[in-house]
N, C-alpha and C. Protein backbone atom coordinates (compact mmCIF):
# COMPACT_ATOMS: atom_id res chain seq x y z
N MET A 1 40.11 -92.38 -78.32
CA MET A 1 39.98 -91.41 -77.25
C MET A 1 40.85 -91.81 -76.09
N ALA A 2 41.58 -90.83 -75.54
CA ALA A 2 42.52 -91.09 -74.43
C ALA A 2 41.76 -91.41 -73.17
N LYS A 3 42.40 -92.30 -72.38
CA LYS A 3 41.84 -92.63 -71.10
C LYS A 3 41.82 -91.44 -70.12
N LYS A 4 40.76 -91.31 -69.42
CA LYS A 4 40.61 -90.24 -68.48
C LYS A 4 41.44 -90.59 -67.27
N LYS A 5 42.39 -89.71 -66.88
CA LYS A 5 43.21 -89.94 -65.65
C LYS A 5 42.31 -89.69 -64.41
N GLU A 6 42.50 -90.58 -63.45
CA GLU A 6 41.81 -90.39 -62.19
C GLU A 6 42.43 -89.22 -61.45
N ALA A 7 41.66 -88.30 -61.09
CA ALA A 7 42.17 -87.17 -60.31
C ALA A 7 42.68 -87.66 -58.96
N LYS A 8 43.79 -87.05 -58.52
CA LYS A 8 44.40 -87.54 -57.26
C LYS A 8 43.41 -87.37 -56.05
N HIS A 9 42.55 -86.38 -56.12
CA HIS A 9 41.64 -86.19 -54.98
C HIS A 9 40.56 -87.30 -54.94
N GLU A 10 40.31 -87.99 -56.03
CA GLU A 10 39.25 -89.01 -56.02
C GLU A 10 39.57 -90.21 -55.13
N GLY A 11 40.82 -90.39 -54.74
CA GLY A 11 41.20 -91.50 -53.87
C GLY A 11 41.14 -91.09 -52.37
N GLN A 12 40.77 -89.86 -52.13
CA GLN A 12 40.72 -89.44 -50.77
C GLN A 12 39.35 -89.77 -50.10
N PRO A 13 39.36 -90.10 -48.81
CA PRO A 13 38.04 -90.46 -48.20
C PRO A 13 36.95 -89.46 -48.38
N ILE A 14 37.31 -88.16 -48.33
CA ILE A 14 36.22 -87.14 -48.46
C ILE A 14 35.54 -87.17 -49.80
N SER A 15 36.17 -87.77 -50.79
CA SER A 15 35.53 -87.88 -52.10
C SER A 15 34.52 -88.97 -52.16
N LYS A 16 34.40 -89.75 -51.07
CA LYS A 16 33.48 -90.85 -51.07
C LYS A 16 32.55 -90.79 -49.84
N VAL A 17 31.81 -89.70 -49.71
CA VAL A 17 30.89 -89.55 -48.60
C VAL A 17 29.72 -90.51 -48.83
N VAL A 18 29.39 -91.27 -47.80
CA VAL A 18 28.25 -92.18 -47.83
C VAL A 18 27.33 -91.83 -46.68
N TRP A 19 26.06 -91.67 -47.03
CA TRP A 19 25.01 -91.43 -45.98
C TRP A 19 24.57 -92.77 -45.44
N ARG A 20 24.73 -92.96 -44.12
CA ARG A 20 24.36 -94.19 -43.47
C ARG A 20 23.38 -93.91 -42.34
N ASP A 21 22.57 -94.95 -42.05
CA ASP A 21 21.74 -94.89 -40.84
C ASP A 21 22.65 -94.78 -39.65
N ARG A 22 22.37 -93.76 -38.82
CA ARG A 22 23.20 -93.52 -37.62
C ARG A 22 23.33 -94.78 -36.74
N ASN A 23 22.27 -95.61 -36.69
CA ASN A 23 22.26 -96.75 -35.87
C ASN A 23 23.24 -97.89 -36.35
N GLU A 24 23.74 -97.78 -37.57
CA GLU A 24 24.74 -98.73 -38.10
C GLU A 24 26.07 -98.44 -37.45
N LEU A 25 26.30 -97.22 -36.99
CA LEU A 25 27.65 -96.86 -36.55
C LEU A 25 27.78 -97.21 -35.06
N LYS A 26 29.02 -97.51 -34.65
CA LYS A 26 29.29 -97.84 -33.25
C LYS A 26 30.48 -97.04 -32.75
N PRO A 27 30.34 -96.46 -31.57
CA PRO A 27 31.38 -95.70 -30.99
C PRO A 27 32.59 -96.58 -30.62
N ASN A 28 33.77 -96.02 -30.62
CA ASN A 28 34.92 -96.78 -30.13
C ASN A 28 34.95 -96.72 -28.63
N ASN A 29 35.78 -97.50 -28.02
CA ASN A 29 35.80 -97.57 -26.55
C ASN A 29 36.98 -96.87 -25.91
N TYR A 30 37.71 -96.05 -26.73
CA TYR A 30 38.92 -95.46 -26.24
C TYR A 30 39.08 -93.94 -26.44
N ASN A 31 38.11 -93.31 -27.02
CA ASN A 31 38.19 -91.88 -27.37
C ASN A 31 38.39 -91.04 -26.07
N PRO A 32 39.55 -90.34 -25.99
CA PRO A 32 39.83 -89.55 -24.81
C PRO A 32 39.13 -88.18 -24.81
N ASN A 33 38.52 -87.80 -25.94
CA ASN A 33 37.91 -86.49 -26.06
C ASN A 33 36.57 -86.42 -25.34
N ARG A 34 36.42 -85.37 -24.54
CA ARG A 34 35.13 -85.15 -23.82
C ARG A 34 34.64 -83.79 -24.22
N VAL A 35 33.33 -83.66 -24.33
CA VAL A 35 32.70 -82.41 -24.71
C VAL A 35 31.60 -82.07 -23.69
N ALA A 36 31.68 -80.84 -23.14
CA ALA A 36 30.66 -80.41 -22.15
C ALA A 36 29.34 -80.27 -22.86
N SER A 37 28.33 -80.34 -22.01
CA SER A 37 26.89 -80.28 -22.55
C SER A 37 26.67 -78.98 -23.31
N THR A 38 27.31 -77.89 -22.93
CA THR A 38 27.14 -76.59 -23.62
C THR A 38 27.65 -76.76 -25.06
N GLU A 39 28.80 -77.39 -25.21
CA GLU A 39 29.35 -77.56 -26.55
C GLU A 39 28.53 -78.51 -27.40
N LEU A 40 27.94 -79.49 -26.76
CA LEU A 40 27.05 -80.39 -27.48
C LEU A 40 25.82 -79.61 -27.99
N LYS A 41 25.30 -78.68 -27.15
CA LYS A 41 24.17 -77.87 -27.58
C LYS A 41 24.62 -77.01 -28.77
N LEU A 42 25.87 -76.49 -28.72
CA LEU A 42 26.36 -75.66 -29.80
C LEU A 42 26.47 -76.50 -31.08
N LEU A 43 26.96 -77.71 -30.95
CA LEU A 43 27.07 -78.63 -32.11
C LEU A 43 25.71 -78.88 -32.72
N LYS A 44 24.71 -79.09 -31.88
CA LYS A 44 23.34 -79.26 -32.37
C LYS A 44 22.89 -78.02 -33.15
N ILE A 45 23.07 -76.86 -32.58
CA ILE A 45 22.73 -75.58 -33.29
C ILE A 45 23.44 -75.49 -34.60
N SER A 46 24.73 -75.84 -34.60
CA SER A 46 25.54 -75.76 -35.77
C SER A 46 24.96 -76.66 -36.91
N ILE A 47 24.61 -77.86 -36.60
CA ILE A 47 24.03 -78.76 -37.60
C ILE A 47 22.68 -78.25 -38.08
N ILE A 48 21.86 -77.78 -37.16
CA ILE A 48 20.52 -77.27 -37.51
C ILE A 48 20.61 -76.07 -38.38
N GLU A 49 21.47 -75.12 -38.02
CA GLU A 49 21.59 -73.85 -38.78
C GLU A 49 22.41 -74.02 -40.07
N ASP A 50 23.53 -74.79 -40.00
CA ASP A 50 24.45 -74.81 -41.11
C ASP A 50 24.36 -76.12 -41.93
N GLY A 51 23.67 -77.11 -41.37
CA GLY A 51 23.63 -78.37 -42.02
C GLY A 51 24.82 -79.24 -41.65
N TRP A 52 24.89 -80.44 -42.25
CA TRP A 52 26.05 -81.35 -42.01
C TRP A 52 27.18 -80.85 -42.87
N THR A 53 28.23 -80.31 -42.20
CA THR A 53 29.37 -79.78 -42.94
C THR A 53 30.63 -80.67 -42.76
N GLN A 54 30.57 -81.65 -41.87
CA GLN A 54 31.69 -82.57 -41.69
C GLN A 54 31.13 -83.96 -41.50
N PRO A 55 31.73 -84.89 -42.25
CA PRO A 55 31.24 -86.28 -42.07
C PRO A 55 31.84 -86.96 -40.81
N ILE A 56 31.27 -88.04 -40.48
CA ILE A 56 31.79 -88.85 -39.38
C ILE A 56 32.77 -89.83 -40.01
N VAL A 57 33.95 -89.96 -39.44
CA VAL A 57 34.96 -90.90 -39.95
C VAL A 57 34.77 -92.26 -39.28
N VAL A 58 34.69 -93.28 -40.15
CA VAL A 58 34.46 -94.66 -39.67
C VAL A 58 35.52 -95.58 -40.29
N ASN A 59 35.71 -96.72 -39.62
CA ASN A 59 36.57 -97.77 -40.23
C ASN A 59 35.65 -98.73 -40.95
N PRO A 60 36.24 -99.76 -41.59
CA PRO A 60 35.37 -100.72 -42.34
C PRO A 60 34.37 -101.48 -41.48
N ASP A 61 34.55 -101.52 -40.18
CA ASP A 61 33.59 -102.18 -39.30
C ASP A 61 32.55 -101.19 -38.82
N LEU A 62 32.56 -99.98 -39.38
CA LEU A 62 31.64 -98.86 -39.02
C LEU A 62 31.79 -98.40 -37.59
N GLU A 63 33.02 -98.64 -37.07
CA GLU A 63 33.37 -98.08 -35.72
C GLU A 63 33.81 -96.61 -35.98
N ILE A 64 33.38 -95.77 -35.14
CA ILE A 64 33.68 -94.34 -35.30
C ILE A 64 35.14 -94.06 -34.93
N VAL A 65 35.91 -93.46 -35.91
CA VAL A 65 37.27 -93.04 -35.62
C VAL A 65 37.23 -91.56 -35.19
N ASP A 66 36.46 -90.78 -35.79
CA ASP A 66 36.23 -89.37 -35.44
C ASP A 66 34.83 -88.93 -35.72
N GLY A 67 34.26 -88.15 -34.82
CA GLY A 67 32.89 -87.68 -35.06
C GLY A 67 31.90 -88.24 -34.06
N PHE A 68 32.42 -88.78 -32.92
CA PHE A 68 31.54 -89.38 -31.94
C PHE A 68 30.50 -88.36 -31.50
N HIS A 69 30.85 -87.10 -31.31
CA HIS A 69 29.95 -86.11 -30.81
C HIS A 69 28.94 -85.70 -31.88
N ARG A 70 29.33 -85.68 -33.11
CA ARG A 70 28.35 -85.47 -34.19
C ARG A 70 27.35 -86.59 -34.24
N TRP A 71 27.87 -87.83 -34.10
CA TRP A 71 26.99 -89.00 -34.06
C TRP A 71 26.06 -88.94 -32.86
N THR A 72 26.53 -88.52 -31.71
CA THR A 72 25.76 -88.45 -30.52
C THR A 72 24.57 -87.49 -30.72
N VAL A 73 24.83 -86.24 -31.22
CA VAL A 73 23.72 -85.33 -31.41
C VAL A 73 22.83 -85.67 -32.58
N SER A 74 23.31 -86.56 -33.44
CA SER A 74 22.45 -86.97 -34.60
C SER A 74 21.24 -87.74 -34.07
N GLY A 75 21.27 -88.23 -32.90
CA GLY A 75 20.12 -88.93 -32.29
C GLY A 75 19.11 -87.95 -31.76
N ASP A 76 19.38 -86.69 -31.66
CA ASP A 76 18.40 -85.66 -31.24
C ASP A 76 17.29 -85.64 -32.25
N ALA A 77 16.09 -85.52 -31.81
CA ALA A 77 14.92 -85.58 -32.71
C ALA A 77 15.02 -84.48 -33.80
N ASP A 78 15.42 -83.24 -33.41
CA ASP A 78 15.50 -82.18 -34.42
C ASP A 78 16.52 -82.45 -35.50
N ILE A 79 17.61 -83.05 -35.13
CA ILE A 79 18.71 -83.37 -36.12
C ILE A 79 18.29 -84.62 -36.88
N PHE A 80 17.78 -85.57 -36.19
CA PHE A 80 17.41 -86.82 -36.82
C PHE A 80 16.41 -86.61 -37.99
N LYS A 81 15.47 -85.69 -37.79
CA LYS A 81 14.44 -85.47 -38.83
C LYS A 81 15.01 -84.72 -40.07
N LEU A 82 16.14 -84.02 -39.87
CA LEU A 82 16.75 -83.29 -41.01
C LEU A 82 17.10 -84.24 -42.15
N THR A 83 17.59 -85.45 -41.82
CA THR A 83 18.05 -86.36 -42.87
C THR A 83 17.45 -87.79 -42.61
N ALA A 84 16.37 -87.87 -41.87
CA ALA A 84 15.70 -89.11 -41.62
C ALA A 84 16.66 -90.14 -40.93
N GLY A 85 17.50 -89.63 -40.03
CA GLY A 85 18.40 -90.50 -39.32
C GLY A 85 19.67 -90.90 -40.01
N LEU A 86 19.87 -90.36 -41.21
CA LEU A 86 21.09 -90.65 -41.95
C LEU A 86 22.17 -89.65 -41.59
N VAL A 87 23.41 -90.09 -41.49
CA VAL A 87 24.55 -89.27 -41.21
C VAL A 87 25.59 -89.42 -42.26
N PRO A 88 26.33 -88.34 -42.62
CA PRO A 88 27.36 -88.50 -43.61
C PRO A 88 28.61 -89.16 -43.01
N THR A 89 29.18 -90.09 -43.75
CA THR A 89 30.37 -90.78 -43.27
C THR A 89 31.41 -90.83 -44.39
N VAL A 90 32.66 -90.93 -43.95
CA VAL A 90 33.76 -91.26 -44.85
C VAL A 90 34.49 -92.41 -44.14
N MET A 91 35.12 -93.24 -44.96
CA MET A 91 35.77 -94.44 -44.42
C MET A 91 37.27 -94.31 -44.55
N THR A 92 37.97 -94.67 -43.47
CA THR A 92 39.38 -94.83 -43.51
C THR A 92 39.69 -96.33 -43.31
N THR A 93 40.87 -96.71 -43.70
CA THR A 93 41.24 -98.11 -43.48
C THR A 93 42.56 -98.18 -42.73
N PRO A 94 42.44 -97.99 -41.40
CA PRO A 94 43.66 -98.04 -40.56
C PRO A 94 44.27 -99.42 -40.69
N LYS A 95 45.62 -99.43 -40.77
CA LYS A 95 46.25 -100.77 -40.92
C LYS A 95 46.20 -101.62 -39.68
N ASP A 96 46.01 -101.02 -38.51
CA ASP A 96 45.90 -101.78 -37.23
C ASP A 96 45.26 -100.92 -36.16
N GLU A 97 45.03 -101.52 -35.03
CA GLU A 97 44.32 -100.79 -33.91
C GLU A 97 45.08 -99.57 -33.46
N SER A 98 46.39 -99.69 -33.39
CA SER A 98 47.17 -98.53 -32.92
C SER A 98 47.08 -97.34 -33.93
N SER A 99 47.08 -97.68 -35.19
CA SER A 99 46.91 -96.61 -36.22
C SER A 99 45.57 -95.94 -36.11
N GLN A 100 44.55 -96.72 -35.81
CA GLN A 100 43.18 -96.13 -35.65
C GLN A 100 43.16 -95.24 -34.38
N LYS A 101 43.72 -95.67 -33.33
CA LYS A 101 43.71 -94.90 -32.09
C LYS A 101 44.49 -93.56 -32.32
N MET A 102 45.63 -93.64 -33.01
CA MET A 102 46.37 -92.42 -33.35
C MET A 102 45.59 -91.48 -34.24
N ALA A 103 44.86 -92.10 -35.17
CA ALA A 103 44.06 -91.20 -36.03
C ALA A 103 42.98 -90.47 -35.26
N THR A 104 42.37 -91.16 -34.32
CA THR A 104 41.40 -90.52 -33.42
C THR A 104 42.05 -89.33 -32.67
N ILE A 105 43.18 -89.54 -32.11
CA ILE A 105 43.87 -88.47 -31.36
C ILE A 105 44.27 -87.35 -32.25
N ARG A 106 44.78 -87.69 -33.45
CA ARG A 106 45.14 -86.59 -34.37
C ARG A 106 43.93 -85.71 -34.74
N HIS A 107 42.81 -86.38 -35.03
CA HIS A 107 41.58 -85.66 -35.39
C HIS A 107 41.18 -84.71 -34.18
N ASN A 108 41.23 -85.25 -32.98
CA ASN A 108 40.86 -84.48 -31.82
C ASN A 108 41.80 -83.29 -31.58
N ARG A 109 43.10 -83.54 -31.64
CA ARG A 109 44.08 -82.49 -31.33
C ARG A 109 44.29 -81.46 -32.42
N ALA A 110 43.96 -81.81 -33.63
CA ALA A 110 44.21 -80.89 -34.78
C ALA A 110 43.16 -79.80 -34.87
N ARG A 111 42.23 -79.76 -33.99
CA ARG A 111 41.17 -78.75 -34.13
C ARG A 111 41.55 -77.35 -33.66
N GLY A 112 42.54 -77.23 -32.83
CA GLY A 112 42.98 -75.89 -32.42
C GLY A 112 42.14 -75.32 -31.27
N THR A 113 42.45 -74.08 -30.92
CA THR A 113 41.74 -73.39 -29.88
C THR A 113 41.28 -72.04 -30.37
N HIS A 114 40.41 -71.42 -29.61
CA HIS A 114 39.87 -70.09 -29.96
C HIS A 114 40.71 -69.03 -29.17
N GLY A 115 41.27 -68.09 -29.87
CA GLY A 115 41.96 -66.95 -29.22
C GLY A 115 40.98 -65.97 -28.65
N VAL A 116 41.18 -65.54 -27.42
CA VAL A 116 40.30 -64.65 -26.77
C VAL A 116 40.11 -63.33 -27.54
N LEU A 117 41.21 -62.76 -27.97
CA LEU A 117 41.11 -61.46 -28.65
C LEU A 117 40.38 -61.64 -29.99
N ASN A 118 40.59 -62.67 -30.69
CA ASN A 118 39.82 -62.87 -31.93
C ASN A 118 38.36 -63.07 -31.66
N MET A 119 38.01 -63.82 -30.57
CA MET A 119 36.64 -64.00 -30.20
C MET A 119 36.03 -62.65 -29.77
N ALA A 120 36.78 -61.83 -29.09
CA ALA A 120 36.29 -60.51 -28.70
C ALA A 120 35.94 -59.64 -29.94
N ASP A 121 36.80 -59.71 -30.94
CA ASP A 121 36.56 -58.97 -32.19
C ASP A 121 35.26 -59.46 -32.85
N ILE A 122 35.05 -60.84 -32.87
CA ILE A 122 33.87 -61.33 -33.48
C ILE A 122 32.61 -60.93 -32.75
N VAL A 123 32.68 -61.04 -31.40
CA VAL A 123 31.52 -60.60 -30.59
C VAL A 123 31.20 -59.19 -30.82
N GLN A 124 32.21 -58.32 -30.88
CA GLN A 124 32.05 -56.90 -31.13
C GLN A 124 31.32 -56.74 -32.56
N SER A 125 31.84 -57.41 -33.52
CA SER A 125 31.21 -57.25 -34.84
C SER A 125 29.78 -57.77 -34.87
N LEU A 126 29.45 -58.80 -34.15
CA LEU A 126 28.06 -59.25 -34.06
C LEU A 126 27.17 -58.21 -33.45
N ILE A 127 27.69 -57.54 -32.37
CA ILE A 127 26.93 -56.50 -31.76
C ILE A 127 26.68 -55.32 -32.71
N GLU A 128 27.78 -54.93 -33.41
CA GLU A 128 27.68 -53.88 -34.40
C GLU A 128 26.72 -54.19 -35.49
N GLN A 129 26.51 -55.46 -35.83
CA GLN A 129 25.60 -55.90 -36.85
C GLN A 129 24.18 -55.96 -36.33
N GLY A 130 23.98 -55.64 -35.10
CA GLY A 130 22.64 -55.56 -34.54
C GLY A 130 22.14 -56.79 -33.78
N LEU A 131 23.00 -57.76 -33.54
CA LEU A 131 22.57 -58.95 -32.79
C LEU A 131 22.46 -58.57 -31.29
N SER A 132 21.47 -59.07 -30.64
CA SER A 132 21.30 -58.80 -29.22
C SER A 132 22.19 -59.74 -28.43
N GLN A 133 22.41 -59.38 -27.18
CA GLN A 133 23.17 -60.23 -26.29
C GLN A 133 22.46 -61.62 -26.15
N GLN A 134 21.15 -61.58 -26.09
CA GLN A 134 20.44 -62.84 -25.94
C GLN A 134 20.62 -63.74 -27.15
N GLU A 135 20.62 -63.15 -28.38
CA GLU A 135 20.82 -63.99 -29.61
C GLU A 135 22.16 -64.53 -29.61
N ILE A 136 23.19 -63.73 -29.30
CA ILE A 136 24.57 -64.21 -29.27
C ILE A 136 24.68 -65.35 -28.28
N MET A 137 24.12 -65.14 -27.06
CA MET A 137 24.14 -66.15 -26.07
C MET A 137 23.57 -67.48 -26.54
N ALA A 138 22.35 -67.38 -27.15
CA ALA A 138 21.67 -68.60 -27.59
C ALA A 138 22.38 -69.30 -28.75
N ARG A 139 22.80 -68.51 -29.71
CA ARG A 139 23.34 -69.17 -30.93
C ARG A 139 24.78 -69.60 -30.79
N LEU A 140 25.49 -69.02 -29.79
CA LEU A 140 26.91 -69.47 -29.54
C LEU A 140 27.05 -70.21 -28.19
N GLN A 141 25.92 -70.43 -27.55
CA GLN A 141 25.91 -71.12 -26.24
C GLN A 141 26.91 -70.51 -25.32
N MET A 142 26.82 -69.19 -25.09
CA MET A 142 27.72 -68.48 -24.20
C MET A 142 26.84 -67.97 -23.03
N GLU A 143 27.47 -67.85 -21.87
CA GLU A 143 26.84 -67.23 -20.71
C GLU A 143 26.83 -65.74 -20.91
N ALA A 144 25.93 -65.02 -20.20
CA ALA A 144 25.87 -63.52 -20.34
C ALA A 144 27.24 -62.92 -19.98
N GLU A 145 27.85 -63.42 -18.89
CA GLU A 145 29.13 -62.84 -18.49
C GLU A 145 30.21 -62.99 -19.57
N GLU A 146 30.18 -64.14 -20.26
CA GLU A 146 31.21 -64.33 -21.34
C GLU A 146 31.03 -63.29 -22.44
N VAL A 147 29.77 -63.14 -22.88
CA VAL A 147 29.48 -62.17 -23.92
C VAL A 147 29.91 -60.78 -23.47
N ILE A 148 29.56 -60.38 -22.25
CA ILE A 148 29.92 -59.08 -21.76
C ILE A 148 31.41 -58.85 -21.66
N ARG A 149 32.09 -59.89 -21.13
CA ARG A 149 33.55 -59.77 -21.04
C ARG A 149 34.24 -59.62 -22.39
N LEU A 150 33.81 -60.45 -23.37
CA LEU A 150 34.36 -60.39 -24.67
C LEU A 150 34.04 -59.05 -25.32
N ALA A 151 32.83 -58.56 -25.15
CA ALA A 151 32.48 -57.28 -25.73
C ALA A 151 33.23 -56.15 -25.12
N SER A 152 33.46 -56.18 -23.80
CA SER A 152 34.12 -55.08 -23.15
C SER A 152 35.64 -55.16 -23.43
N ARG A 153 36.16 -56.31 -23.78
CA ARG A 153 37.60 -56.50 -24.03
C ARG A 153 38.08 -55.61 -25.22
N VAL A 154 37.18 -55.34 -26.14
CA VAL A 154 37.55 -54.55 -27.30
C VAL A 154 37.03 -53.10 -27.14
N GLY A 155 36.62 -52.72 -25.92
CA GLY A 155 36.31 -51.37 -25.65
C GLY A 155 34.92 -50.95 -26.17
N ILE A 156 33.95 -51.85 -26.10
CA ILE A 156 32.63 -51.50 -26.54
C ILE A 156 32.12 -50.33 -25.67
N PRO A 157 31.55 -49.32 -26.32
CA PRO A 157 31.05 -48.19 -25.49
C PRO A 157 29.87 -48.66 -24.65
N LYS A 158 29.62 -47.89 -23.55
CA LYS A 158 28.49 -48.22 -22.74
C LYS A 158 27.22 -48.22 -23.55
N SER A 159 26.47 -49.29 -23.49
CA SER A 159 25.26 -49.46 -24.28
C SER A 159 24.29 -50.29 -23.52
N LYS A 160 23.23 -50.67 -24.17
CA LYS A 160 22.24 -51.56 -23.51
C LYS A 160 22.89 -52.93 -23.14
N LEU A 161 23.94 -53.25 -23.87
CA LEU A 161 24.61 -54.58 -23.57
C LEU A 161 25.31 -54.48 -22.25
N ILE A 162 25.98 -53.40 -21.99
CA ILE A 162 26.74 -53.27 -20.75
C ILE A 162 26.22 -52.09 -19.97
N GLN A 163 25.55 -52.31 -18.89
CA GLN A 163 25.03 -51.36 -18.01
C GLN A 163 25.84 -51.39 -16.71
N ASP A 164 25.90 -50.31 -15.95
CA ASP A 164 26.60 -50.29 -14.70
C ASP A 164 26.12 -51.38 -13.74
N ASP A 165 24.80 -51.70 -13.83
CA ASP A 165 24.24 -52.64 -12.90
C ASP A 165 24.54 -54.08 -13.32
N ASP A 166 25.25 -54.32 -14.43
CA ASP A 166 25.59 -55.63 -14.84
C ASP A 166 26.74 -56.21 -14.02
N PHE A 167 27.44 -55.32 -13.33
CA PHE A 167 28.58 -55.75 -12.50
C PHE A 167 28.30 -55.67 -11.02
N SER A 168 28.73 -56.57 -10.24
CA SER A 168 28.59 -56.50 -8.84
C SER A 168 29.47 -55.45 -8.22
N GLN A 169 29.07 -54.92 -7.08
CA GLN A 169 29.92 -53.93 -6.42
C GLN A 169 31.13 -54.62 -5.79
N ALA A 170 32.28 -53.93 -5.80
CA ALA A 170 33.45 -54.53 -5.18
C ALA A 170 33.29 -54.47 -3.66
N TRP A 171 33.91 -55.39 -3.04
CA TRP A 171 33.81 -55.37 -1.56
C TRP A 171 34.92 -54.58 -0.94
N GLU A 172 34.75 -54.15 0.24
CA GLU A 172 35.78 -53.40 0.92
C GLU A 172 36.19 -54.13 2.17
N VAL A 173 37.46 -53.90 2.55
CA VAL A 173 37.98 -54.58 3.77
C VAL A 173 37.46 -53.87 5.00
């Protein structure tokens, strides 16, 4: 019988997800990425509703290369109980400290940004699917004004979502 060839993807870190106790991991001391509390709430909602979809990237010393904010919210009681305090990890082996720092920055910067018009289209479709302004606000951690502005950007007709009294009166000189 012929030897089975190792598939090229089997050598990739994502092919070796290991569930670890979150307390075994340690944050690095140089991550320049900061996340506002609203986005941390959104991350928590994401993990609760969608489950763990991205592992935390660690080095062999179990220092976090990427995923500090996932690790942070994993300490929340609601998330902790989902997996009994275990978090998914993948391991990279940076050749030196500068390589690890650059990997952290690449992970942070490669995430992209949200386009306003695309977000407006999504909010419009959520409204058309029957989601209330309150539900959109809660599940996407948006302020009422943001939902209204995005909804009105694509010409949403006057509805319960946008009433004349939702806007303040302009001032006069």
